Protein backbone atom coordinates (compact mmCIF):
# COMPACT_ATOMS: atom_id res chain seq x y z
CA MET A 1 -29.26 16.20 9.30
CA PRO A 2 -29.37 14.08 12.32
CA LYS A 3 -32.56 12.10 13.03
CA ILE A 4 -34.76 13.83 15.45
CA GLU A 5 -36.98 11.95 17.87
CA TYR A 6 -39.64 12.88 20.26
CA GLU A 7 -38.81 11.71 23.71
CA ASN A 8 -39.80 8.14 24.42
CA PRO A 9 -41.97 8.29 27.70
CA ASP A 10 -41.35 4.49 28.22
CA ASP A 11 -37.42 4.82 28.16
CA LYS A 12 -36.51 5.15 31.85
CA LYS A 13 -33.03 3.57 31.59
CA ILE A 14 -30.46 5.58 33.65
CA VAL A 15 -26.79 4.90 33.03
CA TYR A 16 -24.13 6.17 35.22
CA PRO A 17 -20.63 6.98 33.56
CA LYS A 18 -17.96 4.30 33.95
CA LYS A 19 -15.01 5.12 36.35
CA ARG A 20 -11.57 5.42 34.89
CA ARG A 21 -8.82 3.60 36.55
CA GLY A 22 -5.06 4.36 36.36
CA ARG A 23 -2.49 6.47 38.17
CA GLY A 24 -4.88 9.42 38.58
CA TRP A 25 -4.01 9.41 42.34
CA LEU A 26 -0.41 10.44 41.67
CA ILE A 27 -1.57 13.52 39.47
CA VAL A 28 -3.90 14.48 42.20
CA LEU A 29 -1.13 14.27 44.90
CA ILE A 30 1.24 16.54 42.84
CA VAL A 31 -1.66 19.05 42.19
CA ILE A 32 -2.52 19.10 45.84
CA ILE A 33 1.08 19.71 47.00
CA SER A 34 1.43 22.50 44.36
CA MET A 35 -1.74 24.21 45.59
CA ILE A 36 -0.44 24.07 49.25
CA PHE A 37 2.87 25.68 48.32
CA GLY A 38 1.26 28.18 46.16
CA SER A 39 -1.19 29.24 48.84
CA VAL A 40 1.53 29.30 51.48
CA ALA A 41 3.62 31.66 49.34
CA GLY A 42 0.71 33.83 48.51
CA VAL A 43 -0.27 34.32 52.16
CA GLY A 44 3.24 34.94 53.24
CA SER A 45 3.57 37.66 50.73
CA ILE A 46 0.48 39.40 52.01
CA ILE A 47 1.57 38.98 55.65
CA LEU A 48 5.17 40.30 54.76
CA LEU A 49 3.61 43.45 53.00
CA SER A 50 1.22 43.94 55.90
CA GLU A 51 3.95 43.69 58.71
CA ASN A 52 6.22 46.24 56.91
CA ASN A 53 3.31 48.70 56.64
CA GLY A 54 3.43 48.59 53.07
CA SER A 55 6.90 49.72 52.65
CA ILE A 56 7.94 46.85 50.32
CA ALA A 57 4.73 47.52 48.25
CA LYS A 58 5.63 51.21 47.98
CA LYS A 59 9.07 50.53 46.82
CA ILE A 60 7.79 48.29 44.01
CA GLY A 61 5.22 50.75 42.87
CA PHE A 62 2.18 50.52 45.12
CA LYS A 63 1.26 54.10 46.02
CA ASN A 64 -2.09 53.55 47.89
CA TRP A 65 -1.29 50.62 50.17
CA ASP A 66 -3.77 51.76 52.86
CA ASN A 67 -6.56 51.34 50.27
CA LEU A 68 -5.46 48.27 48.68
CA THR A 69 -8.06 45.52 48.48
CA ILE A 70 -7.65 41.93 47.20
CA PRO A 71 -10.82 40.69 45.36
CA LEU A 72 -10.58 37.10 46.87
CA THR A 73 -14.41 36.43 46.60
CA GLU A 74 -15.09 37.76 43.09
CA THR A 75 -15.74 34.33 41.57
CA LYS A 76 -17.80 33.23 44.40
CA LYS A 77 -20.04 36.35 44.09
CA ILE A 78 -20.61 35.76 40.33
CA ASN A 79 -21.46 32.19 40.82
CA VAL A 80 -24.03 33.01 43.55
CA GLN A 81 -25.61 35.52 41.31
CA GLU A 82 -25.98 33.05 38.40
CA SER A 83 -27.58 30.45 40.80
CA SER A 84 -29.85 32.90 42.42
CA ALA A 85 -31.18 33.97 39.01
CA ILE A 86 -31.89 30.21 38.17
CA ILE A 87 -33.52 29.65 41.38
CA ASP A 88 -35.73 32.64 41.02
CA SER A 89 -36.73 31.98 37.45
CA SER A 90 -37.65 28.35 38.49
CA ASN A 91 -39.46 29.39 41.51
CA LYS A 92 -41.55 31.98 39.35
CA VAL A 93 -42.55 29.45 36.60
CA SER A 94 -42.75 26.06 38.49
CA PRO A 95 -46.25 26.70 40.06
CA ALA A 96 -47.82 27.00 36.45
CA VAL A 97 -46.15 23.86 35.13
CA VAL A 98 -48.39 20.72 34.97
CA SER A 99 -47.95 17.14 34.18
CA ILE A 100 -50.11 15.58 31.53
CA VAL A 101 -50.74 11.84 31.79
CA ALA A 102 -52.54 9.93 29.04
CA LYS A 103 -54.03 6.50 29.71
CA SER A 104 -55.58 4.23 26.93
CA GLN A 105 -56.65 0.62 26.40
CA VAL A 106 -54.67 -1.45 24.01
CA GLN A 107 -54.75 -4.90 22.81
CA THR A 108 -51.87 -7.12 23.54
CA ILE A 109 -50.39 -9.72 21.19
CA PHE A 110 -52.20 -12.39 23.11
CA GLY A 111 -55.64 -10.77 22.46
CA ASN A 112 -55.92 -9.37 25.99
CA THR A 113 -56.69 -5.73 26.83
CA ALA A 114 -54.08 -3.71 28.76
CA GLU A 115 -53.78 -0.12 29.87
CA ALA A 116 -51.06 1.83 28.29
CA SER A 117 -49.91 5.15 29.64
CA SER A 118 -47.50 8.07 28.63
CA ALA A 119 -46.68 11.45 30.07
CA GLY A 120 -45.81 14.82 28.95
CA THR A 121 -45.70 18.50 30.32
CA GLY A 122 -47.64 21.68 29.86
CA PHE A 123 -47.99 25.16 31.47
CA ILE A 124 -50.97 27.22 32.25
CA ILE A 125 -51.56 30.30 30.14
CA THR A 126 -54.82 31.40 31.64
CA SER A 127 -56.13 31.33 35.21
CA ASP A 128 -59.29 29.61 34.19
CA GLY A 129 -57.57 26.40 32.91
CA LEU A 130 -56.08 26.85 29.42
CA ILE A 131 -52.82 24.79 29.24
CA LEU A 132 -50.29 24.84 26.32
CA THR A 133 -48.42 21.73 25.33
CA ASN A 134 -47.14 19.90 22.33
CA LYS A 135 -49.55 18.31 19.80
CA HIS A 136 -47.59 14.97 19.97
CA VAL A 137 -48.35 14.86 23.89
CA VAL A 138 -52.02 14.60 23.19
CA SER A 139 -52.11 12.96 20.00
CA ASP A 140 -54.15 9.78 20.95
CA ALA A 141 -57.72 10.81 20.34
CA ASN A 142 -58.90 7.76 22.25
CA ALA A 143 -56.93 8.45 25.45
CA ALA A 144 -58.15 9.84 28.64
CA TYR A 145 -55.99 12.70 29.96
CA THR A 146 -55.25 13.69 33.56
CA VAL A 147 -53.57 17.02 34.42
CA ILE A 148 -51.62 17.09 37.59
CA THR A 149 -50.77 20.69 38.88
CA ALA A 150 -47.69 21.65 40.85
CA ASP A 151 -49.77 21.53 44.15
CA GLY A 152 -50.62 17.84 43.47
CA LYS A 153 -54.25 18.24 42.55
CA ASN A 154 -55.70 16.11 39.63
CA TYR A 155 -57.98 17.27 36.93
CA ASP A 156 -59.65 15.71 33.88
CA GLY A 157 -58.00 17.35 30.70
CA LYS A 158 -60.04 18.01 27.58
CA ILE A 159 -58.18 18.54 24.25
CA GLN A 160 -59.44 22.10 23.35
CA SER A 161 -57.66 22.58 20.06
CA VAL A 162 -54.66 21.57 17.98
CA ASP A 163 -52.43 23.64 15.74
CA PRO A 164 -52.79 22.64 12.01
CA LEU A 165 -49.39 24.36 11.48
CA ASN A 166 -47.16 23.53 14.34
CA ASP A 167 -46.63 21.00 17.08
CA LEU A 168 -48.73 22.73 19.54
CA ALA A 169 -51.99 21.95 21.36
CA VAL A 170 -54.28 23.45 24.01
CA VAL A 171 -55.61 21.39 26.91
CA LYS A 172 -58.57 22.63 29.04
CA ILE A 173 -59.22 21.95 32.77
CA THR A 174 -62.17 23.14 34.96
CA ALA A 175 -60.57 25.33 37.50
CA THR A 176 -60.18 29.01 38.47
CA GLY A 177 -57.50 31.21 39.96
CA LEU A 178 -54.81 29.07 38.72
CA PRO A 179 -51.03 30.53 38.51
CA VAL A 180 -50.02 31.52 35.02
CA VAL A 181 -46.81 31.88 33.16
CA GLU A 182 -45.31 35.17 31.72
CA LEU A 183 -44.50 35.03 28.01
CA GLY A 184 -41.15 36.45 26.91
CA ASP A 185 -39.88 37.63 23.40
CA SER A 186 -38.09 34.79 21.67
CA ASP A 187 -36.78 37.09 18.87
CA GLN A 188 -34.62 38.80 21.50
CA LEU A 189 -32.76 35.56 22.40
CA GLN A 190 -28.87 35.53 21.90
CA VAL A 191 -26.73 32.43 21.53
CA GLY A 192 -25.12 31.56 24.55
CA GLN A 193 -27.94 33.14 26.76
CA TRP A 194 -28.81 31.04 29.84
CA VAL A 195 -32.20 29.20 29.85
CA VAL A 196 -33.95 26.82 32.09
CA ALA A 197 -36.11 23.81 31.10
CA ILE A 198 -38.77 22.55 33.48
CA GLY A 199 -40.75 19.41 32.89
CA ASN A 200 -42.21 15.93 33.93
CA ALA A 201 -38.82 14.18 33.33
CA LEU A 202 -39.01 10.42 32.41
CA GLY A 203 -42.81 10.81 33.16
CA GLN A 204 -42.33 10.42 36.80
CA TYR A 205 -40.11 13.37 38.12
CA GLN A 206 -42.52 16.19 38.17
CA ASN A 207 -41.30 19.85 37.59
CA THR A 208 -37.53 18.70 37.15
CA VAL A 209 -35.27 21.82 36.49
CA THR A 210 -32.40 21.65 34.15
CA ALA A 211 -30.15 24.62 32.95
CA GLY A 212 -28.17 25.43 30.01
CA VAL A 213 -27.73 27.94 27.10
CA ILE A 214 -29.27 28.72 23.72
CA SER A 215 -27.03 26.76 21.50
CA ALA A 216 -28.46 27.99 18.14
CA LYS A 217 -31.42 29.59 16.53
CA GLN A 218 -33.64 28.97 13.44
CA ARG A 219 -32.95 25.13 13.10
CA ASP A 220 -35.21 23.14 10.75
CA ILE A 221 -35.68 19.69 11.80
CA GLN A 222 -37.66 16.52 10.84
CA ALA A 223 -39.28 15.23 14.12
CA SER A 224 -40.60 11.66 14.55
CA ASP A 225 -42.04 9.51 17.29
CA ALA A 226 -40.01 6.51 18.71
CA THR A 227 -41.51 4.06 16.07
CA GLY A 228 -40.92 6.58 13.07
CA ALA A 229 -44.59 6.07 12.20
CA SER A 230 -45.40 9.69 12.45
CA SER A 231 -43.07 12.55 11.51
CA GLU A 232 -43.35 16.35 11.02
CA ASN A 233 -41.23 19.21 9.58
CA LEU A 234 -40.63 21.91 12.14
CA SER A 235 -38.81 25.15 11.18
CA GLY A 236 -37.22 28.13 13.11
CA MET A 237 -36.60 25.91 16.24
CA LEU A 238 -34.36 26.97 19.19
CA GLN A 239 -31.45 24.49 20.00
CA THR A 240 -30.36 24.22 23.58
CA ASP A 241 -28.14 22.09 25.77
CA ALA A 242 -30.40 22.31 28.65
CA ALA A 243 -31.34 18.65 29.25
CA ILE A 244 -34.53 17.74 27.73
CA ASN A 245 -35.57 14.27 28.78
CA ALA A 246 -38.53 11.95 28.05
CA GLY A 247 -41.77 13.57 29.58
CA ASN A 248 -40.34 16.94 28.99
CA SER A 249 -42.36 17.58 25.78
CA GLY A 250 -44.75 20.58 26.01
CA GLY A 251 -42.80 22.07 28.96
CA PRO A 252 -41.40 25.68 29.22
CA LEU A 253 -38.03 26.81 28.26
CA VAL A 254 -37.50 29.95 30.38
CA ASN A 255 -35.08 32.85 30.39
CA LEU A 256 -33.55 34.06 33.79
CA GLN A 257 -36.36 36.71 34.11
CA GLY A 258 -38.77 33.90 34.57
CA GLN A 259 -40.41 34.37 31.22
CA VAL A 260 -41.32 31.53 28.87
CA ILE A 261 -39.31 31.92 25.65
CA GLY A 262 -39.88 28.37 24.23
CA ILE A 263 -41.80 25.19 24.22
CA ASN A 264 -39.67 22.06 24.81
CA THR A 265 -40.34 19.67 21.78
CA ALA A 266 -37.61 17.25 20.66
CA VAL A 267 -34.28 15.70 21.19
CA ALA A 268 -31.54 14.55 18.76
CA SER A 269 -31.12 10.85 19.09
CA GLY A 270 -27.68 9.54 19.62
CA ALA A 271 -26.33 12.95 20.83
CA GLN A 272 -25.83 14.77 23.92
CA GLY A 273 -26.95 18.15 24.81
CA ILE A 274 -28.84 18.81 21.59
CA GLY A 275 -32.63 19.52 22.26
CA PHE A 276 -35.14 21.64 20.46
CA ALA A 277 -37.88 24.08 21.54
CA ILE A 278 -40.66 25.92 19.49
CA PRO A 279 -39.91 29.78 20.06
CA ILE A 280 -42.76 31.24 21.99
CA ASN A 281 -43.39 33.90 19.48
CA ALA A 282 -44.22 31.25 16.96
CA ALA A 283 -47.01 30.37 19.32
CA LYS A 284 -48.33 33.73 20.47
CA SER A 285 -50.77 33.99 17.51
CA ALA A 286 -52.12 30.49 18.31
CA ILE A 287 -52.58 31.59 21.94
CA ASP A 288 -54.26 34.80 21.10
CA SER A 289 -56.60 32.90 18.73
CA ILE A 290 -57.71 30.33 21.23
CA LYS A 291 -58.37 33.16 23.78
CA LYS A 292 -60.54 34.78 21.29
CA THR A 293 -62.34 32.12 19.34
CA GLY A 294 -61.80 28.91 21.68
CA LYS A 295 -59.58 27.28 19.02
CA ILE A 296 -56.35 27.65 17.15
CA VAL A 297 -56.85 29.46 13.83
CA ARG A 298 -53.89 29.74 11.49
CA PRO A 299 -53.56 31.78 8.32
CA TYR A 300 -51.97 30.10 5.24
CA LEU A 301 -50.74 30.90 1.87
CA GLY A 302 -51.23 27.77 -0.07
CA VAL A 303 -47.83 26.98 -1.50
CA ARG A 304 -45.44 24.10 -1.41
CA TYR A 305 -41.83 25.57 -1.21
CA LEU A 306 -38.12 24.89 -0.91
CA PRO A 307 -36.12 27.32 1.25
CA ILE A 308 -33.15 28.64 -0.86
CA THR A 309 -29.69 28.59 0.51
CA PRO A 310 -26.46 29.67 -1.13
CA ASP A 311 -25.74 26.01 -1.97
CA ILE A 312 -29.18 25.45 -3.52
CA ALA A 313 -28.83 28.70 -5.49
CA LYS A 314 -25.47 27.72 -6.87
CA THR A 315 -26.61 23.96 -7.80
CA ASN A 316 -29.68 25.17 -9.56
CA ASN A 317 -28.28 28.47 -10.92
CA LEU A 318 -30.87 30.64 -9.27
CA LYS A 319 -30.65 34.38 -9.32
CA TYR A 320 -31.17 34.64 -5.47
CA ASP A 321 -29.51 32.76 -2.62
CA TYR A 322 -32.46 33.46 -0.28
CA GLY A 323 -36.28 33.28 -0.47
CA ALA A 324 -38.76 30.35 -0.89
CA LEU A 325 -38.91 28.65 -4.29
CA VAL A 326 -42.47 27.52 -5.08
CA VAL A 327 -42.07 23.74 -6.24
CA ARG A 328 -44.48 20.74 -6.44
CA GLY A 329 -43.95 17.69 -4.27
CA ASN A 330 -42.90 14.22 -5.46
CA GLY A 331 -45.96 12.52 -4.45
CA LEU A 332 -49.25 12.30 -6.42
CA GLY A 333 -51.36 15.43 -6.21
CA GLN A 334 -48.68 17.52 -4.38
CA VAL A 335 -49.17 20.64 -6.43
CA ALA A 336 -46.87 23.57 -6.08
CA VAL A 337 -49.88 26.10 -5.53
CA VAL A 338 -53.19 24.89 -3.98
CA PRO A 339 -56.16 25.66 -6.19
CA GLY A 340 -58.21 28.41 -4.68
CA SER A 341 -55.69 29.24 -2.10
CA PRO A 342 -54.74 32.89 -1.29
CA ALA A 343 -51.46 32.27 -3.38
CA ASP A 344 -53.52 31.05 -6.30
CA LYS A 345 -55.92 34.13 -6.18
CA ALA A 346 -52.81 36.34 -6.07
CA GLY A 347 -51.29 34.83 -9.30
CA ILE A 348 -48.37 32.95 -7.74
CA VAL A 349 -47.38 30.06 -9.69
CA GLU A 350 -44.73 27.09 -9.76
CA ASN A 351 -41.05 28.37 -9.97
CA ASP A 352 -41.79 31.87 -8.49
CA ILE A 353 -39.43 32.80 -5.78
CA ILE A 354 -41.10 34.48 -2.76
CA LEU A 355 -38.45 37.00 -1.43
CA GLU A 356 -40.28 39.17 1.24
CA ILE A 357 -43.47 39.43 3.23
CA ASN A 358 -44.28 43.10 4.30
CA GLY A 359 -40.80 44.06 3.72
CA GLU A 360 -39.09 41.22 5.82
CA ARG A 361 -36.73 39.09 3.77
CA ILE A 362 -37.22 35.35 3.69
CA ASP A 363 -33.82 33.72 4.63
CA SER A 364 -32.25 31.28 7.15
CA ASN A 365 -33.17 33.76 10.06
CA ASN A 366 -36.89 34.28 8.75
CA GLY A 367 -38.50 31.24 7.27
CA LEU A 368 -41.70 31.59 5.23
CA THR A 369 -43.67 29.76 7.82
CA ALA A 370 -42.29 31.75 10.66
CA LEU A 371 -43.14 35.06 9.05
CA LEU A 372 -46.67 33.92 8.19
CA SER A 373 -47.40 32.86 11.76
CA LYS A 374 -47.14 36.56 12.84
CA TYR A 375 -50.27 37.33 10.87
CA ASN A 376 -54.02 36.65 11.51
CA VAL A 377 -56.68 35.13 9.21
CA GLY A 378 -58.11 38.14 7.16
CA ASP A 379 -54.79 40.21 7.16
CA THR A 380 -53.62 41.21 3.81
CA VAL A 381 -49.90 41.23 3.32
CA SER A 382 -47.52 42.54 0.54
CA ILE A 383 -45.44 39.70 -0.96
CA LYS A 384 -42.39 40.54 -3.13
CA LEU A 385 -41.41 37.82 -5.45
CA SER A 386 -39.40 37.03 -8.56
CA HIS A 387 -41.67 35.82 -11.41
CA ALA A 388 -40.16 34.80 -14.75
CA GLY A 389 -36.91 36.62 -13.69
CA GLU A 390 -38.57 39.99 -12.89
CA GLU A 391 -39.50 41.31 -9.37
CA LYS A 392 -43.10 42.31 -8.52
CA THR A 393 -45.19 42.86 -5.51
CA VAL A 394 -48.66 41.31 -4.97
CA LYS A 395 -51.24 41.70 -2.25
CA VAL A 396 -52.49 38.57 -0.62
CA ALA A 397 -55.43 38.10 1.75
CA LEU A 398 -54.69 35.29 4.10
CA GLN A 399 -57.25 32.58 4.66
CA GLU A 400 -57.82 30.10 7.45
CA MET A 401 -55.96 26.90 7.30
CA LYS A 402 -58.40 23.88 7.37
């Protein structure tokens, strides 16, 4: 698994590709000459057929010469349509994309105090100033945050709530009548589908637009900051080759209908065209929660688990090659089931294999955390599990994650 890093807002180095030297001019000349002769021959054929009123064409099999059309502009039309969709999508979302600038006082090695700054991105989800972003964008509790809207206005930003489960946070500004984004359905995304990333690239190029495709879905990664001091496991991520640069964190990943389908979060260090975004469906329950209660409330089960793959099943001689194996951690006090948790109350124990939640199988396409994020605190779900080699179903009342 490659090491994944959050974008480093201080890394602003731009490197141009080196030019290659050699006999490329000779190859180019040959290609140009070939193209000229090919074009002349093609045009000559069309003129010859036209001047003979299609007689030659009819002899070689063309029956409807008068209705014959040559689609010379087909490729151009397709390219224009794709570009138009990207333009329309960007124009629809960009007014609701904001830059988030953090400034704090730090002590230098000489004992002096200096101002440190960093920048990220967010997008407006309510017209009265709720903004969704990444948790790591607003991780400094001592920093002062400024939100810059697309029209250039500055607002003081207040951290409204952070997600205890995912790399999400909500920032609040005092304003009304703001433009908002439209949320899409990330479950309907297809690999190869065009997407657009919008963000505050390098912390200074506000509302930069890049385009690419969904490269993969359901990626599990371990993300860390540039120093490696802070890391987080993220599951069910979207992978995209749309360029995600330093400062893009927290910005929207958008489909060609102008709907937000992801939150740009991390990039793979030492790689090109490998970025990751949190699917918007994984954030919808958090958005609903903060609209209703003013904070992000997440349900939890209370187990530590290992996602089962065919390789893990084979190595450990497991009966199932899917599901979540309830295991304890290597650290002190890292129990398999949290005492007093919903899982504990339902009788789930170490070495149980959780197979389904409300009939949805836990596998590489549907992780346990992703499935739980669809529900609210207080919901009762049916959990199918393998206990001591036998399948059974238990009812679990989900509680709030503290």
